Amino acid sequence: MTTTNAPAADAPATAVREPEPAKNRRPFWRNPWRHPWFLEGFTWLYLIWSLAPIAIAVLFSFNNGRSQSSWQGFSWRWYFSDPVNSVLHDPQLHAAVIQTVRLSVLTTIIAVPLGVAFALGINRWRGPIPATFNFVMILSYVIPELIFGVSMFFVFTTLFSSVHLGTVAEVLGLVTWNVSWPAIVVQARLVTLGRQYEEAAADLGAMEPAS
């Protein structure tokens, strides 16, 4: 009588490992998932190229001499040390700094809400009219600032002569120029967010249906 020894139930089964397929190694220039070293490096070079002139201008504002090309030592002369020509003591420079800060604050307060509202309208409204408005808004990115400034000067001196040259005209010109920046940023975020967040906000009571 022959007996067949059955394998024990608790004996661990040996896993048979299949041979792994050879990795398809493609050249680095044909790999779409590689780290974008070239784009990252180009971005840093562009930032350095754009910010270097501003950094040099700020550095030479602390120059001890009047030269704009030769460094003559660090000094606070042009800010408050010079009793005649510094920003703190010269009435014209002092007024220019205050006016610049005032214009920046007023422009930000007005342009940001207008840009957000404009982006919401363009995102919701479909048709040739909003597409035309969107194209006109993008023009501020390609029109040189000098041409835009001269155009606004003729607008306020010829077309809207009731708006006298001064703080009001400057604020209107700056708002017209800068309103496209928040509009472009907000519109890009609205496109990536989608409508599901708006529906979720409506379910949570953020927007009540019109009665």
N, C-alpha and C. Protein backbone atom coordinates (compact mmCIF):
# COMPACT_ATOMS: atom_id res chain seq x y z
N MET A 1 0.85 -1.19 0.00
CA MET A 1 0.00 0.00 0.00
C MET A 1 0.89 1.23 0.00
N THR A 2 0.67 2.01 -1.00
CA THR A 2 1.50 3.23 -1.13
C THR A 2 0.73 4.43 -0.68
N THR A 3 1.35 5.28 0.07
CA THR A 3 0.71 6.51 0.56
C THR A 3 1.38 7.72 -0.10
N THR A 4 0.53 8.66 -0.46
CA THR A 4 1.04 9.90 -1.09
C THR A 4 1.09 10.98 -0.03
N ASN A 5 2.25 11.53 0.16
CA ASN A 5 2.41 12.59 1.16
C ASN A 5 1.89 13.91 0.59
N ALA A 6 0.77 14.37 1.14
CA ALA A 6 0.20 15.65 0.69
C ALA A 6 1.00 16.79 1.29
N PRO A 7 1.16 17.87 0.57
CA PRO A 7 1.91 19.00 1.13
C PRO A 7 1.18 19.61 2.30
N ALA A 8 1.91 19.94 3.28
CA ALA A 8 1.31 20.51 4.49
C ALA A 8 0.59 21.81 4.16
N ALA A 9 -0.55 22.02 4.86
CA ALA A 9 -1.37 23.21 4.56
C ALA A 9 -0.67 24.48 5.01
N ASP A 10 0.10 24.31 6.09
CA ASP A 10 0.73 25.51 6.63
C ASP A 10 2.11 25.77 6.05
N ALA A 11 2.50 25.00 5.09
CA ALA A 11 3.82 25.22 4.50
C ALA A 11 3.76 26.44 3.60
N PRO A 12 4.66 27.36 3.74
CA PRO A 12 4.62 28.57 2.92
C PRO A 12 4.91 28.26 1.47
N ALA A 13 4.10 28.82 0.61
CA ALA A 13 4.28 28.60 -0.82
C ALA A 13 5.41 29.48 -1.32
N THR A 14 6.23 28.88 -2.10
CA THR A 14 7.36 29.63 -2.63
C THR A 14 6.90 30.47 -3.81
N ALA A 15 7.09 31.78 -3.68
CA ALA A 15 6.65 32.68 -4.74
C ALA A 15 7.63 32.62 -5.90
N VAL A 16 7.07 32.42 -7.02
CA VAL A 16 7.88 32.35 -8.23
C VAL A 16 7.99 33.75 -8.81
N ARG A 17 9.15 34.32 -8.77
CA ARG A 17 9.37 35.69 -9.26
C ARG A 17 9.64 35.65 -10.75
N GLU A 18 8.82 36.38 -11.44
CA GLU A 18 9.01 36.47 -12.88
C GLU A 18 10.16 37.42 -13.18
N PRO A 19 10.86 37.14 -14.17
CA PRO A 19 11.97 38.05 -14.51
C PRO A 19 11.44 39.42 -14.90
N GLU A 20 12.06 40.45 -14.31
CA GLU A 20 11.62 41.82 -14.59
C GLU A 20 12.01 42.20 -16.01
N PRO A 21 11.10 42.87 -16.68
CA PRO A 21 11.44 43.29 -18.04
C PRO A 21 12.53 44.34 -18.02
N ALA A 22 13.30 44.31 -19.00
CA ALA A 22 14.39 45.29 -19.09
C ALA A 22 13.80 46.69 -19.27
N LYS A 23 14.34 47.62 -18.52
CA LYS A 23 13.84 49.00 -18.59
C LYS A 23 14.20 49.62 -19.93
N ASN A 24 13.19 50.28 -20.43
CA ASN A 24 13.39 50.96 -21.70
C ASN A 24 14.03 52.31 -21.43
N ARG A 25 15.30 52.35 -21.51
CA ARG A 25 16.02 53.58 -21.24
C ARG A 25 16.12 54.41 -22.51
N ARG A 26 15.48 55.57 -22.43
CA ARG A 26 15.52 56.48 -23.56
C ARG A 26 16.54 57.58 -23.30
N PRO A 27 17.01 58.20 -24.33
CA PRO A 27 17.93 59.33 -24.12
C PRO A 27 17.26 60.42 -23.31
N PHE A 28 18.06 61.17 -22.55
CA PHE A 28 17.50 62.16 -21.64
C PHE A 28 16.74 63.24 -22.38
N TRP A 29 17.11 63.51 -23.65
CA TRP A 29 16.39 64.56 -24.36
C TRP A 29 15.04 64.10 -24.89
N ARG A 30 14.74 62.80 -24.80
CA ARG A 30 13.45 62.28 -25.25
C ARG A 30 12.59 61.80 -24.09
N ASN A 31 13.02 62.04 -22.87
CA ASN A 31 12.27 61.63 -21.69
C ASN A 31 11.40 62.78 -21.21
N PRO A 32 10.07 62.71 -21.36
CA PRO A 32 9.22 63.84 -20.97
C PRO A 32 9.10 64.02 -19.47
N TRP A 33 9.52 62.99 -18.65
CA TRP A 33 9.35 63.06 -17.21
C TRP A 33 10.64 63.42 -16.50
N ARG A 34 11.62 63.80 -17.22
CA ARG A 34 12.89 64.16 -16.59
C ARG A 34 12.75 65.53 -15.92
N HIS A 35 13.70 65.83 -15.07
CA HIS A 35 13.71 67.15 -14.42
C HIS A 35 14.06 68.23 -15.45
N PRO A 36 13.25 69.28 -15.54
CA PRO A 36 13.48 70.29 -16.59
C PRO A 36 14.64 71.21 -16.24
N TRP A 37 15.86 70.67 -16.33
CA TRP A 37 17.02 71.47 -15.96
C TRP A 37 17.18 72.68 -16.87
N PHE A 38 16.93 72.50 -18.16
CA PHE A 38 17.12 73.61 -19.09
C PHE A 38 16.13 74.73 -18.83
N LEU A 39 14.85 74.37 -18.66
CA LEU A 39 13.83 75.39 -18.40
C LEU A 39 14.06 76.08 -17.06
N GLU A 40 14.44 75.31 -16.06
CA GLU A 40 14.71 75.89 -14.75
C GLU A 40 15.91 76.83 -14.80
N GLY A 41 16.96 76.40 -15.48
CA GLY A 41 18.13 77.27 -15.61
C GLY A 41 17.83 78.52 -16.42
N PHE A 42 17.06 78.38 -17.49
CA PHE A 42 16.69 79.54 -18.29
C PHE A 42 15.85 80.52 -17.48
N THR A 43 14.95 79.99 -16.62
CA THR A 43 14.13 80.86 -15.78
C THR A 43 14.98 81.65 -14.80
N TRP A 44 15.96 80.98 -14.18
CA TRP A 44 16.84 81.68 -13.24
C TRP A 44 17.69 82.73 -13.96
N LEU A 45 18.17 82.41 -15.15
CA LEU A 45 18.94 83.39 -15.91
C LEU A 45 18.10 84.61 -16.27
N TYR A 46 16.85 84.37 -16.63
CA TYR A 46 15.96 85.49 -16.96
C TYR A 46 15.69 86.35 -15.74
N LEU A 47 15.47 85.72 -14.58
CA LEU A 47 15.24 86.49 -13.36
C LEU A 47 16.46 87.32 -12.98
N ILE A 48 17.64 86.70 -13.09
CA ILE A 48 18.86 87.44 -12.77
C ILE A 48 19.06 88.60 -13.74
N TRP A 49 18.83 88.34 -15.02
CA TRP A 49 18.99 89.38 -16.03
C TRP A 49 18.00 90.52 -15.81
N SER A 50 16.81 90.22 -15.34
CA SER A 50 15.79 91.25 -15.13
C SER A 50 16.02 92.03 -13.85
N LEU A 51 16.48 91.35 -12.79
CA LEU A 51 16.61 92.00 -11.49
C LEU A 51 17.98 92.63 -11.27
N ALA A 52 18.97 92.24 -12.05
CA ALA A 52 20.32 92.80 -11.86
C ALA A 52 20.36 94.31 -12.06
N PRO A 53 19.75 94.88 -13.11
CA PRO A 53 19.77 96.35 -13.24
C PRO A 53 19.10 97.07 -12.07
N ILE A 54 18.02 96.49 -11.55
CA ILE A 54 17.35 97.12 -10.41
C ILE A 54 18.24 97.06 -9.18
N ALA A 55 18.89 95.93 -8.97
CA ALA A 55 19.79 95.81 -7.82
C ALA A 55 20.96 96.78 -7.93
N ILE A 56 21.49 96.97 -9.14
CA ILE A 56 22.60 97.91 -9.32
C ILE A 56 22.14 99.35 -9.07
N ALA A 57 20.93 99.67 -9.54
CA ALA A 57 20.41 101.02 -9.31
C ALA A 57 20.21 101.29 -7.82
N VAL A 58 19.69 100.30 -7.10
CA VAL A 58 19.51 100.46 -5.65
C VAL A 58 20.86 100.58 -4.96
N LEU A 59 21.83 99.80 -5.40
CA LEU A 59 23.17 99.87 -4.79
C LEU A 59 23.80 101.25 -4.99
N PHE A 60 23.67 101.81 -6.19
CA PHE A 60 24.29 103.11 -6.46
C PHE A 60 23.51 104.26 -5.81
N SER A 61 22.32 104.00 -5.30
CA SER A 61 21.65 105.04 -4.52
C SER A 61 22.35 105.28 -3.18
N PHE A 62 23.20 104.33 -2.77
CA PHE A 62 24.01 104.49 -1.56
C PHE A 62 25.43 104.93 -1.87
N ASN A 63 25.68 105.32 -3.12
CA ASN A 63 27.03 105.75 -3.51
C ASN A 63 27.36 107.09 -2.86
N ASN A 64 28.57 107.21 -2.39
CA ASN A 64 28.97 108.44 -1.71
C ASN A 64 29.14 109.60 -2.67
N GLY A 65 29.47 109.33 -3.93
CA GLY A 65 29.66 110.38 -4.91
C GLY A 65 28.46 110.51 -5.83
N ARG A 66 28.59 111.40 -6.81
CA ARG A 66 27.52 111.64 -7.76
C ARG A 66 27.60 110.75 -8.99
N SER A 67 28.67 110.00 -9.13
CA SER A 67 28.85 109.17 -10.31
C SER A 67 27.87 108.01 -10.31
N GLN A 68 27.34 107.69 -11.50
CA GLN A 68 26.44 106.57 -11.65
C GLN A 68 27.13 105.34 -12.24
N SER A 69 28.42 105.41 -12.42
CA SER A 69 29.16 104.28 -12.97
C SER A 69 30.38 103.90 -12.14
N SER A 70 30.82 104.79 -11.27
CA SER A 70 31.99 104.52 -10.45
C SER A 70 31.59 104.50 -8.97
N TRP A 71 31.87 103.39 -8.31
CA TRP A 71 31.53 103.25 -6.90
C TRP A 71 32.55 104.01 -6.05
N GLN A 72 32.06 104.90 -5.20
CA GLN A 72 32.92 105.77 -4.39
C GLN A 72 32.70 105.59 -2.90
N GLY A 73 32.17 104.47 -2.52
CA GLY A 73 31.99 104.20 -1.10
C GLY A 73 30.53 104.24 -0.68
N PHE A 74 30.24 103.48 0.37
CA PHE A 74 28.87 103.41 0.89
C PHE A 74 28.58 104.64 1.74
N SER A 75 27.37 105.18 1.57
CA SER A 75 27.00 106.37 2.34
C SER A 75 25.48 106.52 2.33
N TRP A 76 24.95 107.13 3.40
CA TRP A 76 23.54 107.48 3.49
C TRP A 76 23.31 108.93 3.04
N ARG A 77 24.23 109.43 2.25
CA ARG A 77 24.20 110.85 1.91
C ARG A 77 22.92 111.25 1.20
N TRP A 78 22.48 110.47 0.24
CA TRP A 78 21.33 110.86 -0.59
C TRP A 78 20.00 110.55 0.08
N TYR A 79 20.03 109.95 1.25
CA TYR A 79 18.79 109.65 1.97
C TYR A 79 18.53 110.65 3.10
N PHE A 80 19.52 110.85 3.97
CA PHE A 80 19.29 111.81 5.07
C PHE A 80 20.56 112.50 5.56
N SER A 81 21.74 112.03 5.18
CA SER A 81 22.97 112.63 5.71
C SER A 81 23.25 114.01 5.13
N ASP A 82 22.99 114.18 3.83
CA ASP A 82 23.25 115.48 3.20
C ASP A 82 22.17 116.47 3.62
N PRO A 83 22.52 117.58 4.22
CA PRO A 83 21.49 118.53 4.69
C PRO A 83 20.80 119.30 3.58
N VAL A 84 21.26 119.15 2.33
CA VAL A 84 20.67 119.93 1.23
C VAL A 84 20.05 119.02 0.17
N ASN A 85 20.80 118.02 -0.29
CA ASN A 85 20.40 117.22 -1.44
C ASN A 85 19.79 115.86 -1.08
N SER A 86 19.62 115.54 0.17
CA SER A 86 19.06 114.24 0.53
C SER A 86 17.54 114.25 0.38
N VAL A 87 16.99 113.05 0.32
CA VAL A 87 15.54 112.92 0.18
C VAL A 87 14.82 113.50 1.39
N LEU A 88 15.42 113.37 2.55
CA LEU A 88 14.78 113.86 3.77
C LEU A 88 14.73 115.38 3.83
N HIS A 89 15.71 116.06 3.24
CA HIS A 89 15.80 117.51 3.38
C HIS A 89 15.38 118.27 2.13
N ASP A 90 15.46 117.66 0.96
CA ASP A 90 15.06 118.33 -0.27
C ASP A 90 13.53 118.30 -0.39
N PRO A 91 12.85 119.43 -0.46
CA PRO A 91 11.39 119.42 -0.52
C PRO A 91 10.84 118.73 -1.75
N GLN A 92 11.48 118.89 -2.90
CA GLN A 92 10.97 118.27 -4.12
C GLN A 92 11.10 116.74 -4.07
N LEU A 93 12.25 116.25 -3.63
CA LEU A 93 12.41 114.81 -3.51
C LEU A 93 11.49 114.23 -2.44
N HIS A 94 11.35 114.95 -1.36
CA HIS A 94 10.45 114.49 -0.28
C HIS A 94 9.02 114.39 -0.79
N ALA A 95 8.56 115.39 -1.54
CA ALA A 95 7.20 115.36 -2.09
C ALA A 95 7.05 114.26 -3.13
N ALA A 96 8.11 113.98 -3.91
CA ALA A 96 8.04 112.93 -4.92
C ALA A 96 7.88 111.56 -4.28
N VAL A 97 8.59 111.31 -3.18
CA VAL A 97 8.47 110.02 -2.49
C VAL A 97 7.07 109.85 -1.91
N ILE A 98 6.55 110.89 -1.28
CA ILE A 98 5.20 110.80 -0.70
C ILE A 98 4.15 110.58 -1.79
N GLN A 99 4.30 111.28 -2.93
CA GLN A 99 3.35 111.12 -4.03
C GLN A 99 3.43 109.72 -4.63
N THR A 100 4.62 109.16 -4.71
CA THR A 100 4.78 107.80 -5.24
C THR A 100 4.09 106.78 -4.35
N VAL A 101 4.28 106.90 -3.04
CA VAL A 101 3.61 105.98 -2.11
C VAL A 101 2.10 106.14 -2.17
N ARG A 102 1.63 107.37 -2.26
CA ARG A 102 0.20 107.62 -2.35
C ARG A 102 -0.40 107.00 -3.61
N LEU A 103 0.27 107.18 -4.74
CA LEU A 103 -0.23 106.62 -5.99
C LEU A 103 -0.23 105.10 -5.97
N SER A 104 0.79 104.50 -5.38
CA SER A 104 0.84 103.05 -5.32
C SER A 104 -0.28 102.48 -4.47
N VAL A 105 -0.58 103.12 -3.35
CA VAL A 105 -1.66 102.64 -2.48
C VAL A 105 -3.01 102.79 -3.16
N LEU A 106 -3.27 103.95 -3.73
CA LEU A 106 -4.55 104.18 -4.40
C LEU A 106 -4.73 103.27 -5.60
N THR A 107 -3.67 103.07 -6.37
CA THR A 107 -3.77 102.20 -7.54
C THR A 107 -4.05 100.76 -7.13
N THR A 108 -3.42 100.29 -6.07
CA THR A 108 -3.66 98.92 -5.61
C THR A 108 -5.08 98.74 -5.11
N ILE A 109 -5.57 99.71 -4.34
CA ILE A 109 -6.92 99.60 -3.79
C ILE A 109 -7.97 99.58 -4.89
N ILE A 110 -7.74 100.30 -5.98
CA ILE A 110 -8.74 100.39 -7.06
C ILE A 110 -8.54 99.29 -8.09
N ALA A 111 -7.30 99.01 -8.47
CA ALA A 111 -7.06 98.09 -9.58
C ALA A 111 -7.32 96.63 -9.22
N VAL A 112 -7.03 96.22 -7.99
CA VAL A 112 -7.20 94.82 -7.63
C VAL A 112 -8.68 94.40 -7.64
N PRO A 113 -9.61 95.14 -6.99
CA PRO A 113 -11.02 94.71 -7.10
C PRO A 113 -11.55 94.77 -8.53
N LEU A 114 -11.16 95.79 -9.30
CA LEU A 114 -11.60 95.86 -10.69
C LEU A 114 -11.06 94.70 -11.50
N GLY A 115 -9.79 94.34 -11.28
CA GLY A 115 -9.22 93.21 -12.00
C GLY A 115 -9.88 91.89 -11.66
N VAL A 116 -10.20 91.69 -10.37
CA VAL A 116 -10.89 90.46 -9.96
C VAL A 116 -12.28 90.40 -10.58
N ALA A 117 -13.02 91.51 -10.54
CA ALA A 117 -14.36 91.54 -11.14
C ALA A 117 -14.28 91.32 -12.65
N PHE A 118 -13.30 91.91 -13.29
CA PHE A 118 -13.14 91.73 -14.73
C PHE A 118 -12.83 90.29 -15.07
N ALA A 119 -11.99 89.64 -14.27
CA ALA A 119 -11.66 88.23 -14.51
C ALA A 119 -12.89 87.34 -14.33
N LEU A 120 -13.70 87.62 -13.31
CA LEU A 120 -14.93 86.83 -13.11
C LEU A 120 -15.89 87.00 -14.28
N GLY A 121 -16.02 88.23 -14.78
CA GLY A 121 -16.90 88.46 -15.91
C GLY A 121 -16.42 87.78 -17.17
N ILE A 122 -15.13 87.85 -17.46
CA ILE A 122 -14.59 87.20 -18.65
C ILE A 122 -14.71 85.69 -18.55
N ASN A 123 -14.53 85.15 -17.33
CA ASN A 123 -14.61 83.70 -17.15
C ASN A 123 -16.04 83.18 -17.32
N ARG A 124 -17.03 83.97 -16.95
CA ARG A 124 -18.43 83.53 -17.04
C ARG A 124 -19.05 83.86 -18.40
N TRP A 125 -18.62 84.94 -18.99
CA TRP A 125 -19.28 85.45 -20.19
C TRP A 125 -18.60 84.88 -21.42
N ARG A 126 -19.38 84.31 -22.32
CA ARG A 126 -18.84 83.72 -23.52
C ARG A 126 -19.37 84.48 -24.73
N GLY A 127 -18.52 84.64 -25.73
CA GLY A 127 -18.95 85.32 -26.94
C GLY A 127 -17.86 86.21 -27.51
N PRO A 128 -18.14 86.88 -28.61
CA PRO A 128 -17.11 87.73 -29.23
C PRO A 128 -16.81 88.99 -28.43
N ILE A 129 -17.80 89.52 -27.71
CA ILE A 129 -17.56 90.76 -26.96
C ILE A 129 -16.57 90.54 -25.82
N PRO A 130 -16.75 89.54 -24.95
CA PRO A 130 -15.73 89.32 -23.91
C PRO A 130 -14.37 88.93 -24.48
N ALA A 131 -14.37 88.22 -25.61
CA ALA A 131 -13.08 87.89 -26.23
C ALA A 131 -12.37 89.16 -26.69
N THR A 132 -13.13 90.13 -27.20
CA THR A 132 -12.53 91.41 -27.60
C THR A 132 -12.01 92.16 -26.38
N PHE A 133 -12.77 92.19 -25.30
CA PHE A 133 -12.31 92.84 -24.07
C PHE A 133 -11.05 92.17 -23.53
N ASN A 134 -11.01 90.84 -23.62
CA ASN A 134 -9.83 90.12 -23.15
C ASN A 134 -8.61 90.48 -23.99
N PHE A 135 -8.80 90.62 -25.30
CA PHE A 135 -7.69 91.00 -26.17
C PHE A 135 -7.20 92.41 -25.86
N VAL A 136 -8.14 93.33 -25.63
CA VAL A 136 -7.76 94.70 -25.30
C VAL A 136 -7.01 94.75 -23.97
N MET A 137 -7.42 93.91 -23.02
CA MET A 137 -6.76 93.87 -21.73
C MET A 137 -5.31 93.39 -21.86
N ILE A 138 -5.08 92.43 -22.75
CA ILE A 138 -3.73 91.90 -22.92
C ILE A 138 -2.82 92.90 -23.64
N LEU A 139 -3.39 93.91 -24.29
CA LEU A 139 -2.57 94.88 -25.01
C LEU A 139 -1.60 95.62 -24.09
N SER A 140 -1.96 95.77 -22.82
CA SER A 140 -1.06 96.48 -21.91
C SER A 140 0.25 95.75 -21.68
N TYR A 141 0.28 94.44 -22.03
CA TYR A 141 1.53 93.69 -21.89
C TYR A 141 2.48 93.93 -23.05
N VAL A 142 1.95 94.37 -24.19
CA VAL A 142 2.79 94.51 -25.38
C VAL A 142 3.02 95.97 -25.76
N ILE A 143 2.17 96.88 -25.29
CA ILE A 143 2.36 98.30 -25.61
C ILE A 143 3.45 98.86 -24.71
N PRO A 144 4.44 99.53 -25.26
CA PRO A 144 5.47 100.14 -24.40
C PRO A 144 4.88 101.18 -23.45
N GLU A 145 5.47 101.27 -22.27
CA GLU A 145 4.94 102.18 -21.26
C GLU A 145 5.01 103.64 -21.70
N LEU A 146 6.03 103.99 -22.47
CA LEU A 146 6.16 105.38 -22.92
C LEU A 146 5.01 105.75 -23.86
N ILE A 147 4.70 104.85 -24.80
CA ILE A 147 3.59 105.12 -25.71
C ILE A 147 2.28 105.19 -24.96
N PHE A 148 2.09 104.31 -23.99
CA PHE A 148 0.86 104.33 -23.20
C PHE A 148 0.75 105.62 -22.40
N GLY A 149 1.86 106.07 -21.82
CA GLY A 149 1.83 107.32 -21.06
C GLY A 149 1.52 108.52 -21.92
N VAL A 150 2.11 108.58 -23.11
CA VAL A 150 1.82 109.69 -24.02
C VAL A 150 0.36 109.65 -24.47
N SER A 151 -0.15 108.46 -24.72
CA SER A 151 -1.56 108.32 -25.12
C SER A 151 -2.49 108.80 -24.01
N MET A 152 -2.20 108.42 -22.77
CA MET A 152 -3.04 108.88 -21.66
C MET A 152 -2.93 110.39 -21.47
N PHE A 153 -1.77 110.95 -21.76
CA PHE A 153 -1.62 112.41 -21.67
C PHE A 153 -2.55 113.10 -22.65
N PHE A 154 -2.59 112.62 -23.89
CA PHE A 154 -3.48 113.22 -24.88
C PHE A 154 -4.95 112.97 -24.55
N VAL A 155 -5.24 111.84 -23.91
CA VAL A 155 -6.63 111.57 -23.52
C VAL A 155 -7.11 112.60 -22.50
N PHE A 156 -6.28 112.91 -21.51
CA PHE A 156 -6.68 113.82 -20.45
C PHE A 156 -6.57 115.29 -20.86
N THR A 157 -5.79 115.59 -21.86
CA THR A 157 -5.66 116.98 -22.30
C THR A 157 -6.56 117.33 -23.47
N THR A 158 -7.03 116.32 -24.20
CA THR A 158 -7.85 116.58 -25.39
C THR A 158 -9.25 116.01 -25.27
N LEU A 159 -9.33 114.71 -24.95
CA LEU A 159 -10.65 114.06 -24.93
C LEU A 159 -11.40 114.33 -23.64
N PHE A 160 -10.75 114.12 -22.50
CA PHE A 160 -11.36 114.37 -21.19
C PHE A 160 -10.63 115.53 -20.53
N SER A 161 -10.84 116.70 -21.08
CA SER A 161 -10.13 117.87 -20.55
C SER A 161 -10.64 118.29 -19.18
N SER A 162 -11.80 117.78 -18.78
CA SER A 162 -12.32 118.13 -17.45
C SER A 162 -11.48 117.51 -16.34
N VAL A 163 -10.78 116.40 -16.67
CA VAL A 163 -9.88 115.77 -15.69
C VAL A 163 -8.52 116.46 -15.82
N HIS A 164 -8.21 117.31 -14.88
CA HIS A 164 -6.98 118.07 -14.93
C HIS A 164 -5.79 117.18 -14.57
N LEU A 165 -4.64 117.54 -15.10
CA LEU A 165 -3.43 116.78 -14.82
C LEU A 165 -3.08 116.91 -13.34
N GLY A 166 -2.88 115.80 -12.70
CA GLY A 166 -2.58 115.79 -11.27
C GLY A 166 -2.77 114.39 -10.72
N THR A 167 -3.12 114.33 -9.46
CA THR A 167 -3.24 113.03 -8.80
C THR A 167 -4.36 112.19 -9.40
N VAL A 168 -5.49 112.81 -9.73
CA VAL A 168 -6.62 112.05 -10.28
C VAL A 168 -6.25 111.45 -11.64
N ALA A 169 -5.65 112.25 -12.50
CA ALA A 169 -5.25 111.74 -13.81
C ALA A 169 -4.19 110.66 -13.68
N GLU A 170 -3.27 110.82 -12.75
CA GLU A 170 -2.24 109.81 -12.55
C GLU A 170 -2.84 108.50 -12.06
N VAL A 171 -3.78 108.58 -11.13
CA VAL A 171 -4.42 107.37 -10.62
C VAL A 171 -5.21 106.67 -11.72
N LEU A 172 -5.94 107.41 -12.52
CA LEU A 172 -6.71 106.81 -13.62
C LEU A 172 -5.78 106.15 -14.64
N GLY A 173 -4.68 106.79 -14.95
CA GLY A 173 -3.75 106.19 -15.89
C GLY A 173 -3.11 104.93 -15.34
N LEU A 174 -2.70 104.95 -14.07
CA LEU A 174 -2.08 103.77 -13.46
C LEU A 174 -3.07 102.62 -13.31
N VAL A 175 -4.31 102.94 -12.96
CA VAL A 175 -5.32 101.88 -12.86
C VAL A 175 -5.59 101.26 -14.21
N THR A 176 -5.68 102.09 -15.25
CA THR A 176 -5.89 101.56 -16.60
C THR A 176 -4.75 100.67 -17.03
N TRP A 177 -3.55 101.01 -16.64
CA TRP A 177 -2.38 100.22 -17.02
C TRP A 177 -2.27 98.93 -16.21
N ASN A 178 -2.58 98.98 -14.92
CA ASN A 178 -2.32 97.85 -14.02
C ASN A 178 -3.52 96.95 -13.79
N VAL A 179 -4.70 97.28 -14.29
CA VAL A 179 -5.86 96.45 -14.00
C VAL A 179 -5.75 95.08 -14.68
N SER A 180 -4.96 94.98 -15.73
CA SER A 180 -4.84 93.70 -16.42
C SER A 180 -4.03 92.68 -15.63
N TRP A 181 -3.15 93.13 -14.75
CA TRP A 181 -2.32 92.17 -13.99
C TRP A 181 -3.14 91.30 -13.05
N PRO A 182 -3.95 91.86 -12.15
CA PRO A 182 -4.78 90.96 -11.33
C PRO A 182 -5.82 90.21 -12.14
N ALA A 183 -6.28 90.80 -13.24
CA ALA A 183 -7.28 90.11 -14.06
C ALA A 183 -6.69 88.85 -14.69
N ILE A 184 -5.46 88.93 -15.20
CA ILE A 184 -4.83 87.77 -15.82
C ILE A 184 -4.57 86.67 -14.79
N VAL A 185 -4.08 87.07 -13.60
CA VAL A 185 -3.76 86.08 -12.56
C VAL A 185 -5.02 85.38 -12.07
N VAL A 186 -6.07 86.15 -11.78
CA VAL A 186 -7.31 85.55 -11.27
C VAL A 186 -7.99 84.71 -12.33
N GLN A 187 -7.97 85.17 -13.57
CA GLN A 187 -8.58 84.39 -14.64
C GLN A 187 -7.88 83.05 -14.84
N ALA A 188 -6.57 83.03 -14.73
CA ALA A 188 -5.84 81.77 -14.83
C ALA A 188 -6.20 80.82 -13.70
N ARG A 189 -6.36 81.34 -12.50
CA ARG A 189 -6.74 80.48 -11.37
C ARG A 189 -8.17 79.97 -11.52
N LEU A 190 -9.07 80.79 -12.06
CA LEU A 190 -10.44 80.34 -12.26
C LEU A 190 -10.52 79.21 -13.27
N VAL A 191 -9.68 79.26 -14.29
CA VAL A 191 -9.68 78.20 -15.30
C VAL A 191 -9.19 76.89 -14.69
N THR A 192 -8.19 76.94 -13.82
CA THR A 192 -7.65 75.72 -13.22
C THR A 192 -8.53 75.17 -12.09
N LEU A 193 -9.27 76.03 -11.41
CA LEU A 193 -10.09 75.56 -10.29
C LEU A 193 -11.29 74.76 -10.76
N GLY A 194 -11.99 75.24 -11.78
CA GLY A 194 -13.19 74.55 -12.22
C GLY A 194 -14.42 75.01 -11.45
N ARG A 195 -15.57 74.49 -11.86
CA ARG A 195 -16.84 74.89 -11.26
C ARG A 195 -17.22 74.06 -10.04
N GLN A 196 -16.50 72.96 -9.75
CA GLN A 196 -16.90 72.10 -8.63
C GLN A 196 -16.72 72.83 -7.30
N TYR A 197 -15.71 73.72 -7.20
CA TYR A 197 -15.53 74.46 -5.96
C TYR A 197 -16.66 75.47 -5.75
N GLU A 198 -17.13 76.04 -6.83
CA GLU A 198 -18.26 76.96 -6.72
C GLU A 198 -19.52 76.23 -6.29
N GLU A 199 -19.75 75.03 -6.82
CA GLU A 199 -20.91 74.25 -6.40
C GLU A 199 -20.79 73.83 -4.94
N ALA A 200 -19.59 73.48 -4.51
CA ALA A 200 -19.39 73.11 -3.10
C ALA A 200 -19.64 74.31 -2.20
N ALA A 201 -19.19 75.50 -2.62
CA ALA A 201 -19.43 76.70 -1.82
C ALA A 201 -20.91 77.02 -1.75
N ALA A 202 -21.62 76.80 -2.84
CA ALA A 202 -23.07 77.03 -2.83
C ALA A 202 -23.77 76.06 -1.90
N ASP A 203 -23.32 74.80 -1.86
CA ASP A 203 -23.92 73.83 -0.94
C ASP A 203 -23.67 74.21 0.52
N LEU A 204 -22.56 74.86 0.79
CA LEU A 204 -22.22 75.27 2.15
C LEU A 204 -22.83 76.62 2.54
N GLY A 205 -23.58 77.22 1.63
CA GLY A 205 -24.25 78.46 1.97
C GLY A 205 -23.51 79.71 1.57
N ALA A 206 -22.46 79.61 0.78
CA ALA A 206 -21.72 80.80 0.39
C ALA A 206 -22.54 81.67 -0.57
N MET A 207 -23.36 81.04 -1.39
CA MET A 207 -24.21 81.78 -2.32
C MET A 207 -25.62 81.26 -2.18
N GLU A 208 -26.55 82.15 -1.93
CA GLU A 208 -27.93 81.77 -1.79
C GLU A 208 -28.63 81.97 -3.13
N PRO A 209 -29.52 81.05 -3.50
CA PRO A 209 -30.23 81.20 -4.77
C PRO A 209 -31.14 82.41 -4.75
N ALA A 210 -31.26 83.04 -5.91
CA ALA A 210 -32.13 84.22 -6.01
C ALA A 210 -33.57 83.81 -5.87
N SER A 211 -34.29 84.59 -5.09
CA SER A 211 -35.70 84.28 -4.84
C SER A 211 -36.56 84.75 -5.99
